[in-house]
Amino acid sequence: MTKTPHKKLNQLESTAICGNDISSSCLYVSALTIGFAGQYAWISLLFVGVVLFLFRKIYGEVVGALPLNGGAYNVLLNTSSKRMASVAAVLTVLSYMATAVISASEAMHYLHNIIDSISIPIATIFVLVSFTILAIIGIGESAKVAVGIFIFHLISLVLLVTTSILFVVFNGLQTFHLNWAIPLTTHSLLYTLFLGFSVAMLGISGFESSANFVEEQQVGVFPKTLRNMWVIVTFFNPVIALLLIAIIPIAQLGDHKESLLAFLGHTAGGNWLSWLISIDAVLVLCGAVLTSFVGVTGLLKRMTLDRILPNYFLKENKSGSNYRIIISFLILCVSVLFVTKGNLESLAGVYTFSFLAVMALFGIGNLLLKFKRKKLPRPEKAKGISVIVAISLIIIAFTGNYILNEKSFFTFLKYLTPALLFIFIMLNRLIIIEFIIKAMEYFYNPLRKFVVTSSLFLNKLHTKINSQEFVFFTKGDDVAILNKVMQYVQNNETTKKLKIVNVIQESHSNQKLKIDLEVLDRAYPEIHIEFIEIEGVFGPELITALSEKWKIPKNFMFIGSPGDKFSYRVADLGGVRLIM
């Protein structure tokens, strides 16, 4: 049976899904930044807009060249090693996990201000379960909900800003002048701005989300989502910070930091605006939960296809959703909520350091793309110096957050370590299985029955993992290039079989290539090389035909980096990986 293709997301739907996450920062980032940078917070927030502008080009270049789900994981998989890519994936999953739990919990804190009878932990779990069900129903339905939340959020922010400006116009700038005159007591202006900038970087959390479901977006939509998110953050965050300084004395801000925008709305417009902002906060923070589920599903599906996670997670329902991934993510989120007892500081540590590390790795992936995939076509390019500056600014923000939240950094490490250990086991499972088999053989006599049963199971599992075939499409490359291919497969994949395919348009056999492969076959005795020559034209149709004929998934097929004259986009090849 042929699968019906899913409807691709348009600009509004895509922007809404990732925009709810990043724009929800407007509810808290101004208050946090003022807490460290005082009246100069708006400068720190403007500088964050500059950083985001640099990353627009970085993300645009990478995803334009490799328009596949996975974000930082995808670019590092296609430019470095699977191990490096897996680290980026783990950090991204931790970021999504913390985002989902924090957003759900914060949303219920806002709701508690409206309905004080609710239990925040129970309500938080209810939100997580509700959006799990929505994600299982399908991304199309999720997008409709996200659009509704996003539009309501933008209207609420516009009303808040407009009402606050009118309040300043009619009441004057006395409060602003008083706040501006507050002297710096402990730090220099530069250090104050540095701390403010470090905290303000929380305002761009979620910017990476769009890259994790790019395959679900219509062609050309991705760069527009980046632009839209940049405009929202660069405008609203500094403006709201300025209005807070102009309307509310800084001394009063600390008493209302958990719902500061609701307090601003009450001061500038009265109860109706305070209620509107509170309701908006509940909705948009729930929207950020939805973003986490959508983003993590795209990423974990890609990791499962690449055999980093068990194939168990690939099972789909009728709407095409990977419900086992979604349910597993829900279990992870609920368990974290119980382990931390809803402590937002612990979760914030995981959240902050994870997404900053992911953005830094994405920048590194961009540099690797420039050096290793020079010929790969891309719609736009980020200048090398701007990429280095952007990565440096992320490192500065990471350092600043470490200075401010050293305890949270170690909480982050507590979550990161077991996650990396699990990935290490998955990537090295063949070596581990072989070690266990040998250990069992050593203790064969005293544990004969158990050893025989376990050894049969492990040997069967070992054979099954090794039996997966991989394919490399060669253009008749010389032996040095093919040797690099063999090294990549040996270092990154668990397989004993590799098909090397040469697509020719006429029946002229490449004798030199055959001789080279015979040499490589002797040099790598642990990998069986099968050389196949096919008459035809290399392209999506041929890849699909071979994938179906050989029952080899497309993400287990490799090519070298194509040049500018290549007739197709990498995305058109259905997930074929670049390894050279």
Protein backbone atom coordinates (compact mmCIF):
# COMPACT_ATOMS: atom_id res chain seq x y z
CA MET A 1 0.00 0.00 0.00
CA THR A 2 1.22 3.49 -0.86
CA LYS A 3 1.37 6.02 1.96
CA THR A 4 -0.54 9.26 1.43
CA PRO A 5 1.97 12.11 1.63
CA HIS A 6 1.49 14.39 4.63
CA LYS A 7 0.46 17.99 4.01
CA LYS A 8 3.47 20.26 4.44
CA LEU A 9 3.31 23.15 6.88
CA ASN A 10 3.07 26.71 5.55
CA GLN A 11 4.91 29.77 6.88
CA LEU A 12 2.33 30.68 9.54
CA GLU A 13 2.00 27.10 10.83
CA SER A 14 5.76 26.54 10.97
CA THR A 15 6.40 29.91 12.61
CA ALA A 16 3.66 29.26 15.15
CA ILE A 17 5.05 25.87 16.21
CA CYS A 18 8.58 27.15 16.87
CA GLY A 19 7.53 30.76 17.58
CA ASN A 20 5.44 29.84 20.62
CA ASP A 21 8.61 28.58 22.32
CA ILE A 22 10.86 31.53 21.56
CA SER A 23 8.16 34.20 21.98
CA SER A 24 7.12 32.78 25.36
CA SER A 25 10.45 34.18 26.58
CA CYS A 26 8.86 37.66 26.42
CA LEU A 27 6.96 36.69 29.58
CA TYR A 28 10.04 36.28 31.75
CA VAL A 29 13.31 37.27 30.06
CA SER A 30 12.87 41.04 30.55
CA ALA A 31 12.32 40.56 34.28
CA LEU A 32 15.35 38.27 34.57
CA THR A 33 17.59 40.63 32.61
CA ILE A 34 16.53 43.70 34.62
CA GLY A 35 17.40 41.73 37.75
CA PHE A 36 21.06 41.63 36.62
CA ALA A 37 21.46 44.61 34.28
CA GLY A 38 18.95 47.01 35.84
CA GLN A 39 18.08 50.00 33.67
CA TYR A 40 20.55 48.80 31.01
CA ALA A 41 18.68 45.54 30.42
CA TRP A 42 17.27 46.70 27.08
CA ILE A 43 20.86 47.08 25.74
CA SER A 44 21.67 43.48 26.67
CA LEU A 45 18.43 42.34 25.03
CA LEU A 46 19.22 44.30 21.85
CA PHE A 47 22.61 42.62 21.71
CA VAL A 48 20.88 39.23 21.91
CA GLY A 49 18.99 40.31 18.77
CA VAL A 50 22.38 40.84 17.07
CA VAL A 51 23.48 37.31 18.04
CA LEU A 52 20.23 35.91 16.68
CA PHE A 53 20.76 37.82 13.44
CA LEU A 54 24.14 36.09 13.03
CA PHE A 55 22.56 32.70 13.68
CA ARG A 56 19.87 33.35 11.07
CA LYS A 57 22.54 33.09 8.38
CA ILE A 58 24.27 30.15 10.11
CA TYR A 59 21.07 28.10 10.31
CA GLY A 60 19.98 29.24 6.84
CA GLU A 61 23.21 28.02 5.25
CA VAL A 62 23.27 24.65 7.04
CA VAL A 63 19.62 23.73 6.60
CA GLY A 64 19.58 25.12 3.07
CA ALA A 65 22.42 22.73 2.22
CA LEU A 66 21.09 19.80 4.30
CA PRO A 67 17.29 20.26 4.62
CA LEU A 68 16.71 17.23 6.85
CA ASN A 69 15.28 16.91 10.36
CA GLY A 70 17.74 16.87 13.22
CA GLY A 71 19.21 20.37 13.51
CA ALA A 72 22.70 20.26 15.01
CA TYR A 73 22.63 16.45 14.96
CA ASN A 74 21.99 16.45 11.22
CA VAL A 75 24.81 18.82 10.28
CA LEU A 76 27.37 17.09 12.50
CA LEU A 77 26.30 13.67 11.20
CA ASN A 78 27.01 14.85 7.66
CA THR A 79 30.26 16.69 8.44
CA SER A 80 31.91 14.88 11.37
CA SER A 81 31.29 11.57 13.17
CA LYS A 82 28.21 9.85 14.51
CA ARG A 83 29.60 10.18 18.05
CA MET A 84 29.91 13.96 17.77
CA ALA A 85 26.43 14.17 16.26
CA SER A 86 25.04 12.04 19.09
CA VAL A 87 26.36 14.47 21.71
CA ALA A 88 24.49 17.31 19.96
CA ALA A 89 21.36 15.14 19.84
CA VAL A 90 21.53 14.35 23.56
CA LEU A 91 21.91 18.04 24.40
CA THR A 92 18.95 18.90 22.18
CA VAL A 93 16.74 16.24 23.80
CA LEU A 94 17.70 17.51 27.28
CA SER A 95 16.84 21.04 26.16
CA TYR A 96 13.43 19.94 24.89
CA MET A 97 12.78 17.91 28.04
CA ALA A 98 13.54 20.85 30.32
CA THR A 99 11.56 23.22 28.07
CA ALA A 100 8.46 21.01 28.20
CA VAL A 101 8.52 20.61 31.99
CA ILE A 102 9.39 24.25 32.77
CA SER A 103 6.82 25.63 30.32
CA ALA A 104 4.04 23.36 31.62
CA SER A 105 4.89 24.17 35.24
CA GLU A 106 5.17 27.93 34.63
CA ALA A 107 1.88 27.90 32.72
CA MET A 108 0.19 26.33 35.72
CA HIS A 109 1.79 28.89 38.04
CA TYR A 110 0.15 31.62 35.95
CA LEU A 111 -3.14 29.70 35.98
CA HIS A 112 -2.85 29.39 39.76
CA ASN A 113 -2.92 33.21 39.92
CA ILE A 114 -6.31 33.06 38.21
CA ILE A 115 -7.69 29.86 39.81
CA ASP A 116 -5.96 29.38 43.16
CA SER A 117 -7.66 26.02 43.88
CA ILE A 118 -5.67 24.02 41.30
CA SER A 119 -2.80 21.70 42.28
CA ILE A 120 0.24 22.81 40.25
CA PRO A 121 1.98 19.37 40.03
CA ILE A 122 -1.22 17.56 38.96
CA ALA A 123 -2.11 20.33 36.51
CA THR A 124 1.43 20.22 35.07
CA ILE A 125 1.12 16.48 34.38
CA PHE A 126 -2.32 17.09 32.84
CA VAL A 127 -0.79 19.63 30.42
CA LEU A 128 2.01 17.22 29.44
CA VAL A 129 -0.47 14.38 28.85
CA SER A 130 -2.82 16.64 26.85
CA PHE A 131 -0.10 17.74 24.46
CA THR A 132 1.15 14.17 24.18
CA ILE A 133 -2.28 13.21 22.86
CA LEU A 134 -2.29 16.19 20.50
CA ALA A 135 1.17 15.27 19.16
CA ILE A 136 0.04 11.66 18.62
CA ILE A 137 -3.00 12.84 16.65
CA GLY A 138 -0.62 14.42 14.10
CA ILE A 139 1.46 17.48 13.28
CA GLY A 140 -1.27 18.98 11.10
CA GLU A 141 -3.72 19.19 14.00
CA SER A 142 -0.91 20.33 16.31
CA ALA A 143 -0.15 23.18 13.90
CA LYS A 144 -3.75 24.45 14.00
CA VAL A 145 -3.65 24.67 17.79
CA ALA A 146 -0.20 26.32 17.65
CA VAL A 147 -1.45 28.96 15.17
CA GLY A 148 -4.38 29.87 17.42
CA ILE A 149 -2.10 30.24 20.46
CA PHE A 150 0.51 32.19 18.48
CA ILE A 151 -1.93 34.74 17.06
CA PHE A 152 -3.55 35.28 20.48
CA HIS A 153 -0.07 35.77 22.00
CA LEU A 154 0.98 38.37 19.42
CA ILE A 155 -2.29 40.29 19.86
CA SER A 156 -1.79 40.24 23.64
CA LEU A 157 1.79 41.54 23.39
CA VAL A 158 0.77 44.29 20.94
CA LEU A 159 -2.04 45.37 23.29
CA LEU A 160 0.37 45.37 26.25
CA VAL A 161 2.99 47.44 24.40
CA THR A 162 0.41 49.90 22.98
CA THR A 163 -1.33 50.40 26.34
CA SER A 164 2.03 50.85 28.10
CA ILE A 165 3.18 53.45 25.54
CA LEU A 166 -0.09 55.37 26.00
CA PHE A 167 0.42 55.20 29.78
CA VAL A 168 3.89 56.75 29.41
CA VAL A 169 2.59 59.43 27.03
CA PHE A 170 -0.11 60.52 29.49
CA ASN A 171 1.88 60.08 32.71
CA GLY A 172 5.35 61.23 31.67
CA LEU A 173 8.84 59.80 32.15
CA GLN A 174 9.41 60.52 35.84
CA THR A 175 9.73 56.83 36.73
CA PHE A 176 12.13 56.28 33.83
CA HIS A 177 14.39 59.14 34.97
CA LEU A 178 14.39 57.84 38.55
CA ASN A 179 15.29 54.31 37.42
CA TRP A 180 17.93 55.57 34.99
CA ALA A 181 19.62 57.55 37.76
CA ILE A 182 20.14 54.50 39.98
CA PRO A 183 23.94 54.13 40.36
CA LEU A 184 25.84 50.90 39.69
CA THR A 185 26.94 49.62 43.09
CA THR A 186 28.98 46.45 42.73
CA HIS A 187 30.10 46.03 39.10
CA SER A 188 31.29 48.11 36.18
CA LEU A 189 28.86 48.90 33.35
CA LEU A 190 30.62 46.42 31.03
CA TYR A 191 30.38 43.57 33.55
CA THR A 192 26.74 44.46 34.27
CA LEU A 193 25.94 44.27 30.55
CA PHE A 194 27.82 40.96 30.36
CA LEU A 195 25.69 39.43 33.12
CA GLY A 196 22.55 40.87 31.56
CA PHE A 197 23.50 39.47 28.16
CA SER A 198 24.19 36.01 29.62
CA VAL A 199 20.77 35.87 31.25
CA ALA A 200 19.05 37.47 28.23
CA MET A 201 20.24 34.61 26.01
CA LEU A 202 17.36 32.64 27.51
CA GLY A 203 15.27 34.77 25.18
CA ILE A 204 16.42 32.82 22.12
CA SER A 205 15.76 29.35 23.48
CA GLY A 206 13.64 27.60 20.89
CA PHE A 207 15.35 29.16 17.87
CA GLU A 208 16.76 25.73 16.97
CA SER A 209 13.29 24.09 16.94
CA SER A 210 12.46 24.89 13.32
CA ALA A 211 15.52 22.94 12.11
CA ASN A 212 14.22 19.80 13.83
CA PHE A 213 11.06 19.54 11.73
CA VAL A 214 12.23 21.15 8.47
CA GLU A 215 11.11 18.13 6.42
CA GLU A 216 7.51 18.84 7.45
CA GLN A 217 7.73 22.41 6.09
CA GLN A 218 6.97 23.61 2.58
CA VAL A 219 9.97 24.48 0.38
CA GLY A 220 11.33 27.95 1.21
CA VAL A 221 9.48 28.25 4.53
CA PHE A 222 12.41 27.53 6.87
CA PRO A 223 14.38 30.80 6.38
CA LYS A 224 11.13 32.73 6.82
CA THR A 225 10.56 31.09 10.21
CA LEU A 226 14.04 32.24 11.27
CA ARG A 227 13.31 35.79 10.11
CA ASN A 228 9.95 35.87 11.88
CA MET A 229 11.38 34.59 15.18
CA TRP A 230 14.23 37.12 14.97
CA VAL A 231 11.81 40.04 14.41
CA ILE A 232 9.60 39.02 17.35
CA VAL A 233 12.47 38.63 19.82
CA THR A 234 14.44 41.69 18.67
CA PHE A 235 11.40 43.95 18.90
CA PHE A 236 9.36 42.80 21.88
CA ASN A 237 12.05 41.91 24.45
CA PRO A 238 13.97 45.25 24.44
CA VAL A 239 10.75 47.30 24.09
CA ILE A 240 9.08 45.53 27.01
CA ALA A 241 12.24 46.03 29.13
CA LEU A 242 12.20 49.77 28.32
CA LEU A 243 8.50 50.05 29.17
CA LEU A 244 9.02 48.25 32.48
CA ILE A 245 11.76 50.73 33.39
CA ALA A 246 9.56 53.64 32.29
CA ILE A 247 6.46 52.56 34.28
CA ILE A 248 7.50 50.53 37.34
CA PRO A 249 10.22 51.45 39.88
CA ILE A 250 13.01 48.86 39.75
CA ALA A 251 12.70 48.35 43.51
CA GLN A 252 9.18 46.93 42.98
CA LEU A 253 10.09 44.55 40.16
CA GLY A 254 11.46 41.82 42.41
CA ASP A 255 8.12 41.40 44.21
CA HIS A 256 6.38 40.53 40.92
CA LYS A 257 9.12 38.71 38.98
CA GLU A 258 7.09 35.50 38.50
CA SER A 259 4.25 37.34 36.72
CA LEU A 260 5.86 40.66 35.89
CA LEU A 261 4.08 41.29 32.60
CA ALA A 262 0.71 40.71 34.25
CA PHE A 263 1.72 43.32 36.83
CA LEU A 264 2.80 45.70 34.04
CA GLY A 265 -0.57 45.15 32.35
CA HIS A 266 -2.40 45.88 35.62
CA THR A 267 -0.39 49.10 36.17
CA ALA A 268 -0.75 50.38 32.60
CA GLY A 269 -4.25 49.19 31.69
CA GLY A 270 -6.04 47.77 34.71
CA ASN A 271 -7.45 44.36 35.62
CA TRP A 272 -8.62 43.45 32.11
CA LEU A 273 -5.08 43.64 30.70
CA SER A 274 -3.61 41.79 33.67
CA TRP A 275 -6.09 38.94 33.13
CA LEU A 276 -5.45 38.93 29.39
CA ILE A 277 -1.68 38.61 29.89
CA SER A 278 -2.16 35.85 32.48
CA ILE A 279 -4.41 33.87 30.11
CA ASP A 280 -1.95 34.50 27.27
CA ALA A 281 0.91 33.25 29.46
CA VAL A 282 -0.93 30.00 30.17
CA LEU A 283 -1.66 29.43 26.47
CA VAL A 284 1.73 30.35 24.99
CA LEU A 285 3.67 28.41 27.60
CA CYS A 286 1.48 25.41 26.73
CA GLY A 287 2.36 26.15 23.09
CA ALA A 288 6.04 25.84 24.04
CA VAL A 289 5.24 22.37 25.41
CA LEU A 290 3.79 21.45 22.02
CA THR A 291 6.94 22.76 20.30
CA SER A 292 9.05 20.45 22.46
CA PHE A 293 6.99 17.40 21.46
CA VAL A 294 7.09 18.26 17.75
CA GLY A 295 10.82 19.05 17.75
CA VAL A 296 11.92 16.04 19.78
CA THR A 297 9.82 13.67 17.64
CA GLY A 298 11.59 14.78 14.45
CA LEU A 299 15.00 14.48 16.08
CA LEU A 300 14.49 11.08 17.77
CA LYS A 301 12.96 9.60 14.63
CA ARG A 302 16.07 10.62 12.70
CA MET A 303 18.32 9.13 15.41
CA THR A 304 16.34 5.87 15.34
CA LEU A 305 16.63 5.64 11.56
CA ASP A 306 20.40 5.99 12.02
CA ARG A 307 20.39 3.07 14.52
CA ILE A 308 21.44 5.20 17.48
CA LEU A 309 18.16 4.30 19.16
CA PRO A 310 16.30 0.95 18.93
CA ASN A 311 13.99 0.41 15.92
CA TYR A 312 11.16 -0.07 18.42
CA PHE A 313 10.52 3.69 18.28
CA LEU A 314 9.78 3.79 14.53
CA LYS A 315 6.26 2.36 14.85
CA GLU A 316 3.68 4.78 13.40
CA ASN A 317 -0.07 5.17 13.89
CA LYS A 318 -2.61 5.89 11.13
CA SER A 319 -1.82 9.62 11.14
CA GLY A 320 1.90 8.92 10.64
CA SER A 321 2.98 9.91 14.17
CA ASN A 322 5.73 8.01 15.96
CA TYR A 323 3.61 7.52 19.06
CA ARG A 324 6.21 5.42 20.89
CA ILE A 325 8.71 8.29 20.73
CA ILE A 326 6.07 10.73 21.95
CA ILE A 327 4.93 8.51 24.85
CA SER A 328 8.56 7.81 25.85
CA PHE A 329 9.24 11.55 25.90
CA LEU A 330 6.18 12.06 28.12
CA ILE A 331 7.46 9.41 30.56
CA LEU A 332 10.86 11.10 30.62
CA CYS A 333 9.29 14.52 31.31
CA VAL A 334 7.05 13.23 34.12
CA SER A 335 9.94 11.33 35.73
CA VAL A 336 12.09 14.47 35.66
CA LEU A 337 9.25 16.44 37.22
CA PHE A 338 9.12 13.94 40.11
CA VAL A 339 12.91 13.69 40.50
CA THR A 340 13.33 17.48 40.71
CA LYS A 341 10.03 17.89 42.63
CA GLY A 342 9.23 20.67 40.18
CA ASN A 343 12.28 22.68 41.27
CA LEU A 344 12.56 25.26 38.49
CA GLU A 345 16.16 26.20 39.27
CA SER A 346 17.37 22.64 38.67
CA LEU A 347 15.42 22.41 35.41
CA ALA A 348 16.55 25.87 34.32
CA GLY A 349 20.17 24.72 34.63
CA VAL A 350 19.53 21.81 32.25
CA TYR A 351 17.56 24.12 29.96
CA THR A 352 20.09 26.97 29.72
CA PHE A 353 23.31 25.03 29.32
CA SER A 354 21.77 22.50 26.92
CA PHE A 355 20.43 24.94 24.36
CA LEU A 356 23.54 27.15 24.50
CA ALA A 357 25.73 24.09 23.87
CA VAL A 358 23.45 23.04 20.99
CA MET A 359 23.76 26.46 19.34
CA ALA A 360 27.55 26.42 19.72
CA LEU A 361 27.69 22.94 18.13
CA PHE A 362 25.47 24.14 15.30
CA GLY A 363 27.95 26.96 14.65
CA ILE A 364 30.81 24.44 14.66
CA GLY A 365 28.80 22.31 12.23
CA ASN A 366 28.52 25.33 9.93
CA LEU A 367 32.31 25.73 9.92
CA LEU A 368 32.78 22.02 9.20
CA LEU A 369 30.29 22.34 6.34
CA LYS A 370 32.39 25.15 4.86
CA PHE A 371 35.62 23.14 5.06
CA LYS A 372 34.37 19.62 4.27
CA ARG A 373 31.41 20.27 1.95
CA LYS A 374 32.59 23.28 -0.07
CA LYS A 375 30.89 22.12 -3.26
CA LEU A 376 27.52 21.43 -1.64
CA PRO A 377 24.95 23.90 -3.05
CA ARG A 378 23.32 26.20 -0.50
CA PRO A 379 20.87 29.13 -0.93
CA GLU A 380 22.81 31.47 1.38
CA LYS A 381 26.18 31.63 3.08
CA ALA A 382 27.28 32.97 6.45
CA LYS A 383 30.70 34.61 6.48
CA GLY A 384 33.30 32.58 8.37
CA ILE A 385 34.19 35.49 10.67
CA SER A 386 30.51 36.03 11.62
CA VAL A 387 30.20 32.32 12.50
CA ILE A 388 33.28 32.53 14.74
CA VAL A 389 31.92 35.69 16.40
CA ALA A 390 28.54 34.02 16.96
CA ILE A 391 30.14 30.91 18.53
CA SER A 392 32.33 33.14 20.71
CA LEU A 393 29.27 35.04 21.96
CA ILE A 394 27.54 31.76 22.83
CA ILE A 395 30.64 30.68 24.79
CA ILE A 396 30.60 34.05 26.61
CA ALA A 397 26.92 33.54 27.50
CA PHE A 398 27.66 29.96 28.65
CA THR A 399 30.46 31.28 30.88
CA GLY A 400 28.23 34.03 32.27
CA ASN A 401 25.51 31.54 33.16
CA TYR A 402 28.11 29.31 34.82
CA ILE A 403 29.24 32.26 36.95
CA LEU A 404 25.64 33.05 37.91
CA ASN A 405 24.41 29.44 38.29
CA GLU A 406 27.33 27.17 39.16
CA LYS A 407 25.02 24.81 41.07
CA SER A 408 22.70 24.55 38.06
CA PHE A 409 25.65 23.64 35.84
CA PHE A 410 26.36 20.56 37.95
CA THR A 411 22.66 19.66 37.85
CA PHE A 412 22.96 19.84 34.06
CA LEU A 413 25.93 17.44 34.20
CA LYS A 414 23.90 14.99 36.32
CA TYR A 415 21.35 14.70 33.52
CA LEU A 416 23.88 14.81 30.69
CA THR A 417 26.14 12.01 31.99
CA PRO A 418 23.60 9.11 32.03
CA ALA A 419 22.19 10.25 28.67
CA LEU A 420 25.66 10.16 27.10
CA LEU A 421 26.32 6.79 28.75
CA PHE A 422 23.20 5.35 27.10
CA ILE A 423 24.25 6.70 23.69
CA PHE A 424 27.78 5.33 24.22
CA ILE A 425 26.31 1.87 24.90
CA MET A 426 24.13 2.05 21.77
CA LEU A 427 27.04 3.16 19.55
CA ASN A 428 29.34 0.46 20.94
CA ARG A 429 26.79 -2.30 21.46
CA LEU A 430 28.60 -4.73 19.15
CA ILE A 431 31.82 -4.45 21.13
CA ILE A 432 29.88 -4.85 24.39
CA ILE A 433 27.98 -7.91 23.05
CA GLU A 434 31.25 -9.51 21.88
CA PHE A 435 32.81 -8.88 25.31
CA ILE A 436 29.82 -10.46 27.09
CA ILE A 437 29.90 -13.51 24.77
CA LYS A 438 33.61 -14.06 25.48
CA ALA A 439 33.06 -13.58 29.21
CA MET A 440 30.27 -16.17 29.15
CA GLU A 441 32.44 -18.62 27.28
CA TYR A 442 35.11 -18.17 29.95
CA PHE A 443 32.61 -18.99 32.74
CA TYR A 444 30.95 -21.73 30.65
CA ASN A 445 31.32 -24.70 33.03
CA PRO A 446 29.85 -23.31 36.27
CA LEU A 447 27.02 -21.49 34.48
CA ARG A 448 26.47 -23.86 31.54
CA LYS A 449 22.67 -23.62 31.11
CA PHE A 450 22.45 -19.87 31.57
CA VAL A 451 25.49 -19.27 29.37
CA VAL A 452 24.18 -21.41 26.51
CA THR A 453 20.79 -19.65 26.46
CA SER A 454 22.28 -16.16 26.78
CA SER A 455 25.04 -16.84 24.31
CA LEU A 456 22.56 -18.00 21.65
CA PHE A 457 20.50 -14.84 22.15
CA LEU A 458 23.53 -12.53 22.06
CA ASN A 459 25.01 -14.22 19.01
CA LYS A 460 21.66 -13.87 17.22
CA LEU A 461 21.53 -10.18 18.19
CA HIS A 462 25.16 -9.68 17.14
CA THR A 463 24.46 -11.24 13.71
CA LYS A 464 21.29 -9.18 13.25
CA ILE A 465 23.08 -5.88 13.96
CA ASN A 466 25.98 -6.77 11.66
CA SER A 467 23.71 -7.97 8.87
CA GLN A 468 22.46 -4.48 8.03
CA GLU A 469 23.88 -3.55 4.63
CA PHE A 470 25.08 -0.07 3.67
CA VAL A 471 25.49 1.48 0.23
CA PHE A 472 27.98 4.01 -1.12
CA PHE A 473 27.37 5.57 -4.54
CA THR A 474 30.73 6.25 -6.18
CA LYS A 475 31.47 8.41 -9.19
CA GLY A 476 34.47 6.23 -10.02
CA ASP A 477 36.50 7.87 -7.26
CA ASP A 478 40.19 7.08 -6.76
CA VAL A 479 41.37 4.65 -4.12
CA ALA A 480 42.24 7.42 -1.59
CA ILE A 481 38.63 8.64 -1.49
CA LEU A 482 37.27 5.10 -1.28
CA ASN A 483 39.68 4.38 1.56
CA LYS A 484 38.21 7.32 3.47
CA VAL A 485 34.76 5.87 2.86
CA MET A 486 35.88 2.54 4.34
CA GLN A 487 37.37 4.32 7.35
CA TYR A 488 34.13 6.22 7.91
CA VAL A 489 32.01 3.05 7.76
CA GLN A 490 34.41 1.18 10.03
CA ASN A 491 34.48 3.99 12.63
CA ASN A 492 30.81 5.00 12.59
CA GLU A 493 28.63 2.07 11.55
CA THR A 494 27.98 -1.44 12.88
CA THR A 495 28.02 -3.52 9.71
CA LYS A 496 29.93 -6.24 7.89
CA LYS A 497 28.47 -5.53 4.45
CA LEU A 498 28.97 -2.59 2.10
CA LYS A 499 27.68 -2.28 -1.44
CA ILE A 500 29.69 0.13 -3.58
CA VAL A 501 27.57 1.21 -6.53
CA ASN A 502 28.84 2.90 -9.68
CA VAL A 503 26.06 4.35 -11.87
CA ILE A 504 27.11 4.52 -15.53
CA GLN A 505 25.21 5.79 -18.54
CA GLU A 506 26.86 3.42 -20.99
CA SER A 507 28.03 -0.16 -20.61
CA HIS A 508 31.71 0.69 -20.08
CA SER A 509 33.03 -1.22 -17.10
CA ASN A 510 35.46 0.67 -14.82
CA GLN A 511 38.34 -1.82 -14.55
CA LYS A 512 40.55 0.48 -12.48
CA LEU A 513 37.79 0.90 -9.91
CA LYS A 514 37.41 -2.89 -9.65
CA ILE A 515 41.15 -3.28 -8.99
CA ASP A 516 41.07 -0.54 -6.34
CA LEU A 517 38.16 -2.22 -4.58
CA GLU A 518 39.96 -5.56 -4.58
CA VAL A 519 42.82 -3.85 -2.74
CA LEU A 520 40.40 -2.31 -0.22
CA ASP A 521 38.64 -5.65 0.26
CA ARG A 522 41.95 -7.13 1.39
CA ALA A 523 42.77 -4.07 3.52
CA TYR A 524 39.42 -4.30 5.36
CA PRO A 525 38.76 -8.04 5.76
CA GLU A 526 36.09 -7.46 8.43
CA ILE A 527 33.83 -5.68 5.91
CA HIS A 528 32.57 -7.56 2.86
CA ILE A 529 32.62 -5.23 -0.17
CA GLU A 530 30.21 -5.92 -3.01
CA PHE A 531 30.83 -3.90 -6.17
CA ILE A 532 27.82 -3.22 -8.42
CA GLU A 533 27.71 -1.36 -11.74
CA ILE A 534 24.31 -0.06 -12.83
CA GLU A 535 23.35 1.54 -16.13
CA GLY A 536 21.11 4.55 -15.62
CA VAL A 537 20.96 8.05 -14.21
CA PHE A 538 21.74 8.72 -10.56
CA GLY A 539 18.83 10.48 -8.86
CA PRO A 540 15.88 10.10 -6.43
CA GLU A 541 14.10 7.53 -8.63
CA LEU A 542 17.13 5.22 -8.77
CA ILE A 543 17.75 5.56 -5.03
CA THR A 544 14.12 4.73 -4.24
CA ALA A 545 14.16 1.74 -6.60
CA LEU A 546 17.37 0.33 -5.09
CA SER A 547 16.18 0.99 -1.54
CA GLU A 548 13.00 -1.00 -2.19
CA LYS A 549 14.76 -3.76 -4.13
CA TRP A 550 17.53 -4.31 -1.57
CA LYS A 551 15.38 -3.39 1.48
CA ILE A 552 18.04 -0.92 2.62
CA PRO A 553 16.74 2.34 4.15
CA LYS A 554 17.86 5.49 2.33
CA ASN A 555 19.63 6.85 5.41
CA PHE A 556 21.97 3.82 5.14
CA MET A 557 23.01 5.01 1.69
CA PHE A 558 25.97 7.39 1.35
CA ILE A 559 27.28 9.77 -1.31
CA GLY A 560 30.19 12.14 -1.58
CA SER A 561 29.51 15.87 -1.42
CA PRO A 562 27.81 16.92 -4.70
CA GLY A 563 29.00 19.94 -6.68
CA ASP A 564 27.18 23.06 -7.88
CA LYS A 565 26.06 21.28 -11.08
CA PHE A 566 24.27 18.51 -9.21
CA SER A 567 20.68 18.30 -10.51
CA TYR A 568 18.97 17.67 -7.16
CA ARG A 569 18.83 19.05 -3.65
CA VAL A 570 20.10 16.75 -0.89
CA ALA A 571 16.56 16.68 0.54
CA ASP A 572 15.27 15.23 -2.75
CA LEU A 573 17.38 12.10 -2.17
CA GLY A 574 15.22 11.06 0.77
CA GLY A 575 17.78 11.11 3.60
CA VAL A 576 20.90 9.84 1.80
CA ARG A 577 23.89 10.82 3.96
CA LEU A 578 26.94 12.84 2.92
CA ILE A 579 30.15 11.29 4.22
CA MET A 580 32.83 12.83 2.02
